Amino acid sequence: TITTNLSFERWDEIFKDPVMTAAMIDRLTHKSYIVNMNGNSYMLKETQLWLEKQ
């Protein structure tokens, strides 16, 4: 399992070689399930509630 908050289009910001980045993405996504999750973070919400109780 690999998780990230960056879209594939932005991976070259981390991995500076665009050819190698494209090859890595190609290999990681071959026969893979990609789940895009959008929305509010439940962890952030729970942390904020916890901090308010402190």
N, C-alpha and C. Protein backbone atom coordinates (compact mmCIF):
# COMPACT_ATOMS: atom_id res chain seq x y z
N THR A 1 0.84 -1.17 0.00
CA THR A 1 0.00 0.00 0.00
C THR A 1 0.88 1.24 0.00
N ILE A 2 0.53 2.15 -0.85
CA ILE A 2 1.21 3.45 -0.90
C ILE A 2 0.14 4.52 -0.79
N THR A 3 0.35 5.47 0.10
CA THR A 3 -0.58 6.58 0.23
C THR A 3 0.18 7.89 0.09
N THR A 4 -0.49 8.88 -0.46
CA THR A 4 0.12 10.19 -0.63
C THR A 4 -0.97 11.24 -0.75
N ASN A 5 -0.64 12.45 -0.44
CA ASN A 5 -1.57 13.55 -0.65
C ASN A 5 -1.25 14.32 -1.92
N LEU A 6 -0.27 13.84 -2.69
CA LEU A 6 0.09 14.48 -3.95
C LEU A 6 -0.47 13.69 -5.13
N SER A 7 -1.04 14.39 -6.09
CA SER A 7 -1.48 13.71 -7.31
C SER A 7 -0.26 13.28 -8.11
N PHE A 8 -0.45 12.32 -9.00
CA PHE A 8 0.67 11.84 -9.81
C PHE A 8 1.33 12.97 -10.59
N GLU A 9 0.55 13.94 -11.01
CA GLU A 9 1.09 15.07 -11.77
C GLU A 9 2.13 15.86 -10.98
N ARG A 10 2.08 15.76 -9.66
CA ARG A 10 3.01 16.53 -8.82
C ARG A 10 4.18 15.71 -8.30
N TRP A 11 4.24 14.42 -8.63
CA TRP A 11 5.31 13.58 -8.11
C TRP A 11 6.68 14.04 -8.59
N ASP A 12 6.76 14.68 -9.75
CA ASP A 12 8.07 15.14 -10.22
C ASP A 12 8.62 16.29 -9.38
N GLU A 13 7.79 16.87 -8.50
CA GLU A 13 8.30 17.85 -7.54
C GLU A 13 9.17 17.17 -6.49
N ILE A 14 8.89 15.92 -6.20
CA ILE A 14 9.65 15.16 -5.21
C ILE A 14 10.79 14.40 -5.88
N PHE A 15 10.44 13.66 -6.93
CA PHE A 15 11.42 12.87 -7.68
C PHE A 15 11.80 13.70 -8.90
N LYS A 16 12.94 14.30 -8.89
CA LYS A 16 13.30 15.36 -9.84
C LYS A 16 13.46 14.90 -11.29
N ASP A 17 13.58 13.62 -11.55
CA ASP A 17 13.76 13.12 -12.91
C ASP A 17 12.40 12.72 -13.47
N PRO A 18 11.83 13.48 -14.42
CA PRO A 18 10.49 13.19 -14.92
C PRO A 18 10.37 11.83 -15.62
N VAL A 19 11.42 11.38 -16.28
CA VAL A 19 11.38 10.08 -16.96
C VAL A 19 11.31 8.96 -15.93
N MET A 20 12.15 9.04 -14.91
CA MET A 20 12.13 8.02 -13.87
C MET A 20 10.83 8.06 -13.07
N THR A 21 10.31 9.26 -12.85
CA THR A 21 9.04 9.39 -12.14
C THR A 21 7.91 8.73 -12.92
N ALA A 22 7.86 8.98 -14.22
CA ALA A 22 6.83 8.37 -15.06
C ALA A 22 6.95 6.85 -15.05
N ALA A 23 8.17 6.34 -15.12
CA ALA A 23 8.39 4.90 -15.10
C ALA A 23 7.95 4.30 -13.76
N MET A 24 8.25 4.99 -12.67
CA MET A 24 7.87 4.51 -11.35
C MET A 24 6.35 4.48 -11.21
N ILE A 25 5.68 5.54 -11.64
CA ILE A 25 4.22 5.59 -11.57
C ILE A 25 3.62 4.48 -12.42
N ASP A 26 4.18 4.27 -13.60
CA ASP A 26 3.70 3.22 -14.50
C ASP A 26 3.79 1.85 -13.82
N ARG A 27 4.89 1.57 -13.18
CA ARG A 27 5.07 0.27 -12.53
C ARG A 27 4.21 0.13 -11.27
N LEU A 28 4.06 1.20 -10.53
CA LEU A 28 3.26 1.14 -9.32
C LEU A 28 1.77 0.99 -9.60
N THR A 29 1.31 1.53 -10.72
CA THR A 29 -0.12 1.52 -11.00
C THR A 29 -0.56 0.37 -11.90
N HIS A 30 0.38 -0.37 -12.47
CA HIS A 30 0.03 -1.50 -13.33
C HIS A 30 -0.70 -2.56 -12.50
N LYS A 31 -1.89 -2.91 -12.91
CA LYS A 31 -2.74 -3.90 -12.22
C LYS A 31 -3.01 -3.50 -10.77
N SER A 32 -3.18 -2.22 -10.54
CA SER A 32 -3.43 -1.71 -9.19
C SER A 32 -4.81 -1.07 -9.11
N TYR A 33 -5.30 -0.95 -7.91
CA TYR A 33 -6.50 -0.18 -7.64
C TYR A 33 -6.06 1.19 -7.14
N ILE A 34 -6.61 2.23 -7.74
CA ILE A 34 -6.30 3.59 -7.32
C ILE A 34 -7.57 4.18 -6.73
N VAL A 35 -7.48 4.60 -5.48
CA VAL A 35 -8.62 5.16 -4.78
C VAL A 35 -8.33 6.63 -4.52
N ASN A 36 -9.09 7.49 -5.15
CA ASN A 36 -8.96 8.93 -4.91
C ASN A 36 -9.98 9.32 -3.84
N MET A 37 -9.49 9.91 -2.78
CA MET A 37 -10.37 10.32 -1.69
C MET A 37 -10.33 11.83 -1.57
N ASN A 38 -11.49 12.43 -1.65
CA ASN A 38 -11.61 13.87 -1.50
C ASN A 38 -12.52 14.15 -0.32
N GLY A 39 -12.29 15.23 0.33
CA GLY A 39 -13.15 15.60 1.45
C GLY A 39 -12.35 16.01 2.66
N ASN A 40 -13.07 16.21 3.73
CA ASN A 40 -12.45 16.67 4.97
C ASN A 40 -11.76 15.52 5.68
N SER A 41 -10.72 15.85 6.38
CA SER A 41 -9.95 14.86 7.14
C SER A 41 -10.64 14.58 8.47
N TYR A 42 -10.97 13.32 8.70
CA TYR A 42 -11.55 12.94 9.98
C TYR A 42 -10.52 13.02 11.09
N MET A 43 -9.27 12.71 10.77
CA MET A 43 -8.22 12.78 11.79
C MET A 43 -8.06 14.21 12.28
N LEU A 44 -8.09 15.17 11.36
CA LEU A 44 -7.97 16.58 11.74
C LEU A 44 -9.14 16.99 12.63
N LYS A 45 -10.34 16.58 12.24
CA LYS A 45 -11.53 16.92 13.02
C LYS A 45 -11.45 16.34 14.43
N GLU A 46 -11.06 15.07 14.53
CA GLU A 46 -10.94 14.43 15.85
C GLU A 46 -9.86 15.10 16.70
N THR A 47 -8.77 15.49 16.08
CA THR A 47 -7.70 16.17 16.81
C THR A 47 -8.17 17.52 17.33
N GLN A 48 -8.90 18.26 16.50
CA GLN A 48 -9.41 19.56 16.93
C GLN A 48 -10.38 19.41 18.10
N LEU A 49 -11.26 18.40 18.03
CA LEU A 49 -12.19 18.15 19.14
C LEU A 49 -11.44 17.78 20.41
N TRP A 50 -10.43 16.95 20.27
CA TRP A 50 -9.63 16.54 21.42
C TRP A 50 -8.93 17.74 22.05
N LEU A 51 -8.37 18.61 21.21
CA LEU A 51 -7.67 19.79 21.73
C LEU A 51 -8.63 20.74 22.45
N GLU A 52 -9.85 20.85 21.96
CA GLU A 52 -10.83 21.73 22.61
C GLU A 52 -11.18 21.23 24.00
N LYS A 53 -11.12 19.92 24.20
CA LYS A 53 -11.45 19.33 25.51
C LYS A 53 -10.32 19.47 26.51
N GLN A 54 -9.12 19.77 26.05
CA GLN A 54 -7.96 19.85 26.93
C GLN A 54 -7.95 21.14 27.72
